[in-house]
């Protein structure tokens, strides 16, 4: 069952290293916090909800969002009770 992220304490997956291929797998209950730095988030699968600088973005597979270093930390979570696969460059 999918529930609103605002009503639960969800596990936070902090990105330390992209790994060999830069792919990050986010399950429906995961939250990923990206520290403020210049980077690009690209969605490979699923729908991703990104909140940064008090703005919300919904990204579909094939879409990307450029995060300038001057922006605040970004919060990423899958939407629609889905698994999201993203790359962070």
PDB file of N, CA and C in Angstrom:
ATOM      1  N   UNK A   1       0.843  -1.179   0.000  1.00  0.00           N
ATOM      2  CA  UNK A   1       0.000   0.000   0.000  1.00  0.00           C
ATOM      3  C   UNK A   1       0.880   1.231   0.000  1.00  0.00           C
ATOM      4  N   UNK A   2       0.532   2.204  -0.797  1.00  0.00           N
ATOM      5  CA  UNK A   2       1.301   3.444  -0.884  1.00  0.00           C
ATOM      6  C   UNK A   2       0.667   4.486   0.025  1.00  0.00           C
ATOM      7  N   UNK A   3       1.501   5.215   0.755  1.00  0.00           N
ATOM      8  CA  UNK A   3       1.002   6.285   1.609  1.00  0.00           C
ATOM      9  C   UNK A   3       1.792   7.539   1.334  1.00  0.00           C
ATOM     10  N   UNK A   4       1.246   8.635   1.720  1.00  0.00           N
ATOM     11  CA  UNK A   4       1.878   9.929   1.511  1.00  0.00           C
ATOM     12  C   UNK A   4       3.162  10.015   2.325  1.00  0.00           C
ATOM     13  N   UNK A   5       4.244  10.472   1.697  1.00  0.00           N
ATOM     14  CA  UNK A   5       5.543  10.579   2.367  1.00  0.00           C
ATOM     15  C   UNK A   5       5.496  11.546   3.541  1.00  0.00           C
ATOM     16  N   UNK A   6       4.576  12.476   3.533  1.00  0.00           N
ATOM     17  CA  UNK A   6       4.497  13.461   4.598  1.00  0.00           C
ATOM     18  C   UNK A   6       3.978  12.847   5.894  1.00  0.00           C
ATOM     19  N   UNK A   7       3.341  11.688   5.830  1.00  0.00           N
ATOM     20  CA  UNK A   7       2.742  11.105   7.021  1.00  0.00           C
ATOM     21  C   UNK A   7       3.618  10.061   7.688  1.00  0.00           C
ATOM     22  N   UNK A   8       4.753   9.747   7.098  1.00  0.00           N
ATOM     23  CA  UNK A   8       5.610   8.695   7.632  1.00  0.00           C
ATOM     24  C   UNK A   8       7.025   9.186   7.850  1.00  0.00           C
ATOM     25  N   UNK A   9       7.719   8.519   8.755  1.00  0.00           N
ATOM     26  CA  UNK A   9       9.158   8.703   8.837  1.00  0.00           C
ATOM     27  C   UNK A   9       9.766   7.683   7.900  1.00  0.00           C
ATOM     28  N   UNK A  10      10.319   8.150   6.793  1.00  0.00           N
ATOM     29  CA  UNK A  10      10.842   7.256   5.771  1.00  0.00           C
ATOM     30  C   UNK A  10      12.342   7.101   5.912  1.00  0.00           C
ATOM     31  N   UNK A  11      12.878   5.953   5.500  1.00  0.00           N
ATOM     32  CA  UNK A  11      14.330   5.776   5.543  1.00  0.00           C
ATOM     33  C   UNK A  11      15.006   6.739   4.580  1.00  0.00           C
ATOM     34  N   UNK A  12      16.073   7.346   5.032  1.00  0.00           N
ATOM     35  CA  UNK A  12      16.817   8.285   4.196  1.00  0.00           C
ATOM     36  C   UNK A  12      18.062   7.596   3.682  1.00  0.00           C
ATOM     37  N   UNK A  13      18.229   7.620   2.368  1.00  0.00           N
ATOM     38  CA  UNK A  13      19.401   7.048   1.720  1.00  0.00           C
ATOM     39  C   UNK A  13      20.290   8.219   1.340  1.00  0.00           C
ATOM     40  N   UNK A  14      21.394   8.409   2.034  1.00  0.00           N
ATOM     41  CA  UNK A  14      22.290   9.523   1.722  1.00  0.00           C
ATOM     42  C   UNK A  14      23.304   9.091   0.686  1.00  0.00           C
ATOM     43  N   UNK A  15      23.442   9.872  -0.357  1.00  0.00           N
ATOM     44  CA  UNK A  15      24.388   9.556  -1.415  1.00  0.00           C
ATOM     45  C   UNK A  15      25.777   9.994  -0.994  1.00  0.00           C
ATOM     46  N   UNK A  16      26.684   9.059  -0.960  1.00  0.00           N
ATOM     47  CA  UNK A  16      28.075   9.359  -0.657  1.00  0.00           C
ATOM     48  C   UNK A  16      28.898   9.226  -1.919  1.00  0.00           C
ATOM     49  N   UNK A  17      28.595   8.200  -2.699  1.00  0.00           N
ATOM     50  CA  UNK A  17      29.363   7.878  -3.898  1.00  0.00           C
ATOM     51  C   UNK A  17      28.399   7.343  -4.938  1.00  0.00           C
ATOM     52  N   UNK A  18      28.593   7.714  -6.188  1.00  0.00           N
ATOM     53  CA  UNK A  18      27.723   7.236  -7.263  1.00  0.00           C
ATOM     54  C   UNK A  18      27.866   5.753  -7.525  1.00  0.00           C
ATOM     55  N   UNK A  19      28.969   5.146  -7.155  1.00  0.00           N
ATOM     56  CA  UNK A  19      29.214   3.755  -7.511  1.00  0.00           C
ATOM     57  C   UNK A  19      29.771   3.683  -8.917  1.00  0.00           C
ATOM     58  N   UNK A  20      29.958   2.483  -9.406  1.00  0.00           N
ATOM     59  CA  UNK A  20      30.615   2.281 -10.701  1.00  0.00           C
ATOM     60  C   UNK A  20      29.846   2.898 -11.855  1.00  0.00           C
ATOM     61  N   UNK A  21      28.530   2.722 -11.893  1.00  0.00           N
ATOM     62  CA  UNK A  21      27.784   3.226 -13.039  1.00  0.00           C
ATOM     63  C   UNK A  21      26.953   4.456 -12.714  1.00  0.00           C
ATOM     64  N   UNK A  22      26.967   4.905 -11.486  1.00  0.00           N
ATOM     65  CA  UNK A  22      26.236   6.104 -11.108  1.00  0.00           C
ATOM     66  C   UNK A  22      24.748   5.895 -10.923  1.00  0.00           C
ATOM     67  N   UNK A  23      24.252   4.660 -10.980  1.00  0.00           N
ATOM     68  CA  UNK A  23      22.819   4.411 -10.820  1.00  0.00           C
ATOM     69  C   UNK A  23      22.459   4.276  -9.347  1.00  0.00           C
ATOM     70  N   UNK A  24      21.340   4.877  -8.985  1.00  0.00           N
ATOM     71  CA  UNK A  24      20.809   4.775  -7.633  1.00  0.00           C
ATOM     72  C   UNK A  24      19.398   4.222  -7.755  1.00  0.00           C
ATOM     73  N   UNK A  25      19.090   3.186  -6.984  1.00  0.00           N
ATOM     74  CA  UNK A  25      17.771   2.565  -6.985  1.00  0.00           C
ATOM     75  C   UNK A  25      17.015   3.052  -5.758  1.00  0.00           C
ATOM     76  N   UNK A  26      15.861   3.661  -5.966  1.00  0.00           N
ATOM     77  CA  UNK A  26      15.043   4.160  -4.869  1.00  0.00           C
ATOM     78  C   UNK A  26      13.738   3.380  -4.831  1.00  0.00           C
ATOM     79  N   UNK A  27      13.499   2.710  -3.713  1.00  0.00           N
ATOM     80  CA  UNK A  27      12.254   1.977  -3.522  1.00  0.00           C
ATOM     81  C   UNK A  27      11.170   2.973  -3.123  1.00  0.00           C
ATOM     82  N   UNK A  28       9.932   2.514  -3.096  1.00  0.00           N
ATOM     83  CA  UNK A  28       8.802   3.404  -2.841  1.00  0.00           C
ATOM     84  C   UNK A  28       8.873   4.109  -1.490  1.00  0.00           C
ATOM     85  N   UNK A  29       9.603   3.598  -0.527  1.00  0.00           N
ATOM     86  CA  UNK A  29       9.694   4.236   0.785  1.00  0.00           C
ATOM     87  C   UNK A  29      11.031   4.918   1.034  1.00  0.00           C
ATOM     88  N   UNK A  30      11.863   5.058   0.005  1.00  0.00           N
ATOM     89  CA  UNK A  30      13.182   5.674   0.165  1.00  0.00           C
ATOM     90  C   UNK A  30      13.140   7.172  -0.113  1.00  0.00           C
ATOM     91  N   UNK A  31      14.017   7.875   0.564  1.00  0.00           N
ATOM     92  CA  UNK A  31      14.231   9.297   0.321  1.00  0.00           C
ATOM     93  C   UNK A  31      15.727   9.483   0.155  1.00  0.00           C
ATOM     94  N   UNK A  32      16.134  10.188  -0.896  1.00  0.00           N
ATOM     95  CA  UNK A  32      17.547  10.445  -1.154  1.00  0.00           C
ATOM     96  C   UNK A  32      17.791  11.937  -1.021  1.00  0.00           C
ATOM     97  N   UNK A  33      18.774  12.307  -0.208  1.00  0.00           N
ATOM     98  CA  UNK A  33      19.142  13.709  -0.048  1.00  0.00           C
ATOM     99  C   UNK A  33      20.466  13.934  -0.757  1.00  0.00           C
ATOM    100  N   UNK A  34      20.454  14.839  -1.733  1.00  0.00           N
ATOM    101  CA  UNK A  34      21.677  15.195  -2.450  1.00  0.00           C
ATOM    102  C   UNK A  34      22.203  16.496  -1.879  1.00  0.00           C
ATOM    103  N   UNK A  35      23.418  16.459  -1.397  1.00  0.00           N
ATOM    104  CA  UNK A  35      24.041  17.657  -0.853  1.00  0.00           C
ATOM    105  C   UNK A  35      24.246  18.680  -1.960  1.00  0.00           C
ATOM    106  N   UNK A  36      24.188  19.923  -1.587  1.00  0.00           N
ATOM    107  CA  UNK A  36      24.296  21.025  -2.535  1.00  0.00           C
ATOM    108  C   UNK A  36      25.641  21.011  -3.255  1.00  0.00           C
ATOM    109  N   UNK A  37      25.602  20.721  -4.548  1.00  0.00           N
ATOM    110  CA  UNK A  37      26.768  20.799  -5.427  1.00  0.00           C
ATOM    111  C   UNK A  37      26.262  20.699  -6.860  1.00  0.00           C
ATOM    112  N   UNK A  38      27.072  21.113  -7.813  1.00  0.00           N
ATOM    113  CA  UNK A  38      26.663  21.047  -9.219  1.00  0.00           C
ATOM    114  C   UNK A  38      26.550  19.591  -9.642  1.00  0.00           C
ATOM    115  N   UNK A  39      25.367  19.182 -10.075  1.00  0.00           N
ATOM    116  CA  UNK A  39      25.145  17.810 -10.513  1.00  0.00           C
ATOM    117  C   UNK A  39      23.865  17.743 -11.341  1.00  0.00           C
ATOM    118  N   UNK A  40      23.727  16.651 -12.079  1.00  0.00           N
ATOM    119  CA  UNK A  40      22.546  16.423 -12.905  1.00  0.00           C
ATOM    120  C   UNK A  40      21.897  15.113 -12.485  1.00  0.00           C
ATOM    121  N   UNK A  41      20.603  15.152 -12.256  1.00  0.00           N
ATOM    122  CA  UNK A  41      19.820  13.967 -11.917  1.00  0.00           C
ATOM    123  C   UNK A  41      19.071  13.553 -13.178  1.00  0.00           C
ATOM    124  N   UNK A  42      19.250  12.312 -13.613  1.00  0.00           N
ATOM    125  CA  UNK A  42      18.577  11.789 -14.809  1.00  0.00           C
ATOM    126  C   UNK A  42      17.789  10.542 -14.414  1.00  0.00           C
ATOM    127  N   UNK A  43      16.523  10.491 -14.811  1.00  0.00           N
ATOM    128  CA  UNK A  43      15.655   9.363 -14.472  1.00  0.00           C
ATOM    129  C   UNK A  43      15.735   8.306 -15.567  1.00  0.00           C
ATOM    130  N   UNK A  44      16.074   7.084 -15.166  1.00  0.00           N
ATOM    131  CA  UNK A  44      16.125   5.957 -16.096  1.00  0.00           C
ATOM    132  C   UNK A  44      14.822   5.161 -16.081  1.00  0.00           C
ATOM    133  N   UNK A  45      14.182   5.060 -14.911  1.00  0.00           N
ATOM    134  CA  UNK A  45      12.933   4.305 -14.776  1.00  0.00           C
ATOM    135  C   UNK A  45      12.134   4.874 -13.615  1.00  0.00           C
ATOM    136  N   UNK A  46      10.818   4.761 -13.698  1.00  0.00           N
ATOM    137  CA  UNK A  46       9.947   5.255 -12.640  1.00  0.00           C
ATOM    138  C   UNK A  46       9.695   6.748 -12.765  1.00  0.00           C
ATOM    139  N   UNK A  47       8.958   7.270 -11.813  1.00  0.00           N
ATOM    140  CA  UNK A  47       8.672   8.701 -11.740  1.00  0.00           C
ATOM    141  C   UNK A  47       9.318   9.229 -10.471  1.00  0.00           C
ATOM    142  N   UNK A  48      10.047  10.326 -10.593  1.00  0.00           N
ATOM    143  CA  UNK A  48      10.805  10.867  -9.467  1.00  0.00           C
ATOM    144  C   UNK A  48      10.269  12.237  -9.079  1.00  0.00           C
ATOM    145  N   UNK A  49      10.082  12.420  -7.777  1.00  0.00           N
ATOM    146  CA  UNK A  49       9.676  13.711  -7.230  1.00  0.00           C
ATOM    147  C   UNK A  49      10.930  14.332  -6.632  1.00  0.00           C
ATOM    148  N   UNK A  50      11.285  15.527  -7.093  1.00  0.00           N
ATOM    149  CA  UNK A  50      12.461  16.241  -6.600  1.00  0.00           C
ATOM    150  C   UNK A  50      11.991  17.553  -5.988  1.00  0.00           C
ATOM    151  N   UNK A  51      12.417  17.815  -4.760  1.00  0.00           N
ATOM    152  CA  UNK A  51      12.143  19.096  -4.122  1.00  0.00           C
ATOM    153  C   UNK A  51      13.473  19.773  -3.847  1.00  0.00           C
ATOM    154  N   UNK A  52      13.618  20.990  -4.362  1.00  0.00           N
ATOM    155  CA  UNK A  52      14.839  21.768  -4.154  1.00  0.00           C
ATOM    156  C   UNK A  52      14.477  23.248  -4.263  1.00  0.00           C
ATOM    157  N   UNK A  53      15.047  24.054  -3.387  1.00  0.00           N
ATOM    158  CA  UNK A  53      14.772  25.494  -3.371  1.00  0.00           C
ATOM    159  C   UNK A  53      13.273  25.792  -3.310  1.00  0.00           C
ATOM    160  N   UNK A  54      12.556  25.005  -2.523  1.00  0.00           N
ATOM    161  CA  UNK A  54      11.111  25.165  -2.324  1.00  0.00           C
ATOM    162  C   UNK A  54      10.302  25.007  -3.609  1.00  0.00           C
ATOM    163  N   UNK A  55      10.869  24.310  -4.577  1.00  0.00           N
ATOM    164  CA  UNK A  55      10.183  24.003  -5.833  1.00  0.00           C
ATOM    165  C   UNK A  55      10.090  22.487  -5.972  1.00  0.00           C
ATOM    166  N   UNK A  56       8.999  22.019  -6.535  1.00  0.00           N
ATOM    167  CA  UNK A  56       8.813  20.592  -6.786  1.00  0.00           C
ATOM    168  C   UNK A  56       8.898  20.321  -8.283  1.00  0.00           C
ATOM    169  N   UNK A  57       9.563  19.218  -8.622  1.00  0.00           N
ATOM    170  CA  UNK A  57       9.715  18.787 -10.010  1.00  0.00           C
ATOM    171  C   UNK A  57       9.334  17.318 -10.088  1.00  0.00           C
ATOM    172  N   UNK A  58       8.564  16.943 -11.102  1.00  0.00           N
ATOM    173  CA  UNK A  58       8.254  15.543 -11.374  1.00  0.00           C
ATOM    174  C   UNK A  58       8.974  15.159 -12.651  1.00  0.00           C
ATOM    175  N   UNK A  59       9.837  14.159 -12.547  1.00  0.00           N
ATOM    176  CA  UNK A  59      10.638  13.726 -13.687  1.00  0.00           C
ATOM    177  C   UNK A  59      10.228  12.323 -14.109  1.00  0.00           C
ATOM    178  N   UNK A  60      10.072  12.131 -15.409  1.00  0.00           N
ATOM    179  CA  UNK A  60       9.743  10.847 -16.020  1.00  0.00           C
ATOM    180  C   UNK A  60      11.011  10.252 -16.621  1.00  0.00           C
ATOM    181  N   UNK A  61      10.986   8.969 -16.983  1.00  0.00           N
ATOM    182  CA  UNK A  61      12.158   8.358 -17.622  1.00  0.00           C
ATOM    183  C   UNK A  61      12.615   9.170 -18.840  1.00  0.00           C
ATOM    184  N   UNK A  62      13.928   9.388 -18.905  1.00  0.00           N
ATOM    185  CA  UNK A  62      14.512  10.170 -19.986  1.00  0.00           C
ATOM    186  C   UNK A  62      14.660  11.643 -19.662  1.00  0.00           C
ATOM    187  N   UNK A  63      13.997  12.115 -18.619  1.00  0.00           N
ATOM    188  CA  UNK A  63      14.105  13.522 -18.240  1.00  0.00           C
ATOM    189  C   UNK A  63      15.227  13.705 -17.223  1.00  0.00           C
ATOM    190  N   UNK A  64      15.764  14.925 -17.182  1.00  0.00           N
ATOM    191  CA  UNK A  64      16.829  15.224 -16.223  1.00  0.00           C
ATOM    192  C   UNK A  64      16.619  16.612 -15.642  1.00  0.00           C
ATOM    193  N   UNK A  65      17.295  16.858 -14.535  1.00  0.00           N
ATOM    194  CA  UNK A  65      17.249  18.149 -13.861  1.00  0.00           C
ATOM    195  C   UNK A  65      18.670  18.517 -13.475  1.00  0.00           C
ATOM    196  N   UNK A  66      19.103  19.699 -13.899  1.00  0.00           N
ATOM    197  CA  UNK A  66      20.433  20.198 -13.556  1.00  0.00           C
ATOM    198  C   UNK A  66      20.318  20.955 -12.238  1.00  0.00           C
ATOM    199  N   UNK A  67      21.142  20.562 -11.273  1.00  0.00           N
ATOM    200  CA  UNK A  67      21.154  21.199  -9.955  1.00  0.00           C
ATOM    201  C   UNK A  67      22.421  22.038  -9.827  1.00  0.00           C
ATOM    202  N   UNK A  68      22.314  23.357  -9.912  1.00  0.00           N
ATOM    203  CA  UNK A  68      23.497  24.199  -9.741  1.00  0.00           C
ATOM    204  C   UNK A  68      24.030  24.128  -8.307  1.00  0.00           C
ATOM    205  N   UNK A  69      25.302  24.379  -8.142  1.00  0.00           N
ATOM    206  CA  UNK A  69      25.931  24.332  -6.813  1.00  0.00           C
ATOM    207  C   UNK A  69      25.316  25.356  -5.867  1.00  0.00           C
ATOM    208  N   UNK A  70      24.767  26.424  -6.402  1.00  0.00           N
ATOM    209  CA  UNK A  70      24.213  27.490  -5.565  1.00  0.00           C
ATOM    210  C   UNK A  70      22.853  27.129  -4.963  1.00  0.00           C
ATOM    211  N   UNK A  71      22.232  26.042  -5.428  1.00  0.00           N
ATOM    212  CA  UNK A  71      20.935  25.633  -4.898  1.00  0.00           C
ATOM    213  C   UNK A  71      21.101  24.893  -3.577  1.00  0.00           C
ATOM    214  N   UNK A  72      20.001  24.793  -2.828  1.00  0.00           N
ATOM    215  CA  UNK A  72      19.981  24.048  -1.567  1.00  0.00           C
ATOM    216  C   UNK A  72      20.090  22.544  -1.832  1.00  0.00           C
ATOM    217  N   UNK A  73      20.196  21.763  -0.747  1.00  0.00           N
ATOM    218  CA  UNK A  73      20.152  20.307  -0.870  1.00  0.00           C
ATOM    219  C   UNK A  73      18.852  19.903  -1.573  1.00  0.00           C
ATOM    220  N   UNK A  74      18.911  18.827  -2.343  1.00  0.00           N
ATOM    221  CA  UNK A  74      17.734  18.332  -3.062  1.00  0.00           C
ATOM    222  C   UNK A  74      17.223  17.064  -2.387  1.00  0.00           C
ATOM    223  N   UNK A  75      15.910  16.910  -2.334  1.00  0.00           N
ATOM    224  CA  UNK A  75      15.273  15.727  -1.765  1.00  0.00           C
ATOM    225  C   UNK A  75      14.591  14.978  -2.909  1.00  0.00           C
ATOM    226  N   UNK A  76      14.951  13.699  -3.076  1.00  0.00           N
ATOM    227  CA  UNK A  76      14.422  12.867  -4.155  1.00  0.00           C
ATOM    228  C   UNK A  76      13.654  11.696  -3.568  1.00  0.00           C
ATOM    229  N   UNK A  77      12.493  11.419  -4.127  1.00  0.00           N
ATOM    230  CA  UNK A  77      11.707  10.259  -3.714  1.00  0.00           C
ATOM    231  C   UNK A  77      10.886   9.755  -4.900  1.00  0.00           C
ATOM    232  N   UNK A  78      10.681   8.443  -5.001  1.00  0.00           N
ATOM    233  CA  UNK A  78       9.851   7.909  -6.080  1.00  0.00           C
ATOM    234  C   UNK A  78       8.388   8.315  -5.895  1.00  0.00           C
ATOM    235  N   UNK A  79       7.682   8.432  -7.003  1.00  0.00           N
ATOM    236  CA  UNK A  79       6.255   8.762  -6.973  1.00  0.00           C
ATOM    237  C   UNK A  79       5.436   7.543  -7.363  1.00  0.00           C
ATOM    238  N   UNK A  80       4.169   7.593  -7.041  1.00  0.00           N
ATOM    239  CA  UNK A  80       3.202   6.593  -7.490  1.00  0.00           C
ATOM    240  C   UNK A  80       3.554   5.176  -7.052  1.00  0.00           C
ATOM    241  N   UNK A  81       4.038   5.028  -5.833  1.00  0.00           N
ATOM    242  CA  UNK A  81       4.349   3.701  -5.287  1.00  0.00           C
ATOM    243  C   UNK A  81       5.245   2.917  -6.227  1.00  0.00           C
ATOM    244  N   UNK A  82       6.266   3.535  -6.705  1.00  0.00           N
ATOM    245  CA  UNK A  82       7.097   2.981  -7.759  1.00  0.00           C
ATOM    246  C   UNK A  82       8.535   2.834  -7.287  1.00  0.00           C
ATOM    247  N   UNK A  83       9.295   2.105  -8.067  1.00  0.00           N
ATOM    248  CA  UNK A  83      10.747   2.060  -7.931  1.00  0.00           C
ATOM    249  C   UNK A  83      11.287   3.065  -8.932  1.00  0.00           C
ATOM    250  N   UNK A  84      12.233   3.875  -8.523  1.00  0.00           N
ATOM    251  CA  UNK A  84      12.856   4.820  -9.449  1.00  0.00           C
ATOM    252  C   UNK A  84      14.336   4.480  -9.558  1.00  0.00           C
ATOM    253  N   UNK A  85      14.840   4.532 -10.769  1.00  0.00           N
ATOM    254  CA  UNK A  85      16.267   4.349 -11.013  1.00  0.00           C
ATOM    255  C   UNK A  85      16.773   5.647 -11.615  1.00  0.00           C
ATOM    256  N   UNK A  86      17.787   6.229 -10.967  1.00  0.00           N
ATOM    257  CA  UNK A  86      18.316   7.512 -11.418  1.00  0.00           C
ATOM    258  C   UNK A  86      19.832   7.439 -11.527  1.00  0.00           C
ATOM    259  N   UNK A  87      20.382   8.320 -12.344  1.00  0.00           N
ATOM    260  CA  UNK A  87      21.827   8.510 -12.358  1.00  0.00           C
ATOM    261  C   UNK A  87      22.094   9.921 -11.874  1.00  0.00           C
ATOM    262  N   UNK A  88      23.219  10.068 -11.207  1.00  0.00           N
ATOM    263  CA  UNK A  88      23.620  11.364 -10.676  1.00  0.00           C
ATOM    264  C   UNK A  88      25.017  11.633 -11.185  1.00  0.00           C
ATOM    265  N   UNK A  89      25.140  12.675 -11.968  1.00  0.00           N
ATOM    266  CA  UNK A  89      26.432  12.995 -12.593  1.00  0.00           C
ATOM    267  C   UNK A  89      26.926  14.337 -12.101  1.00  0.00           C
TER     268      UNK A  89
END
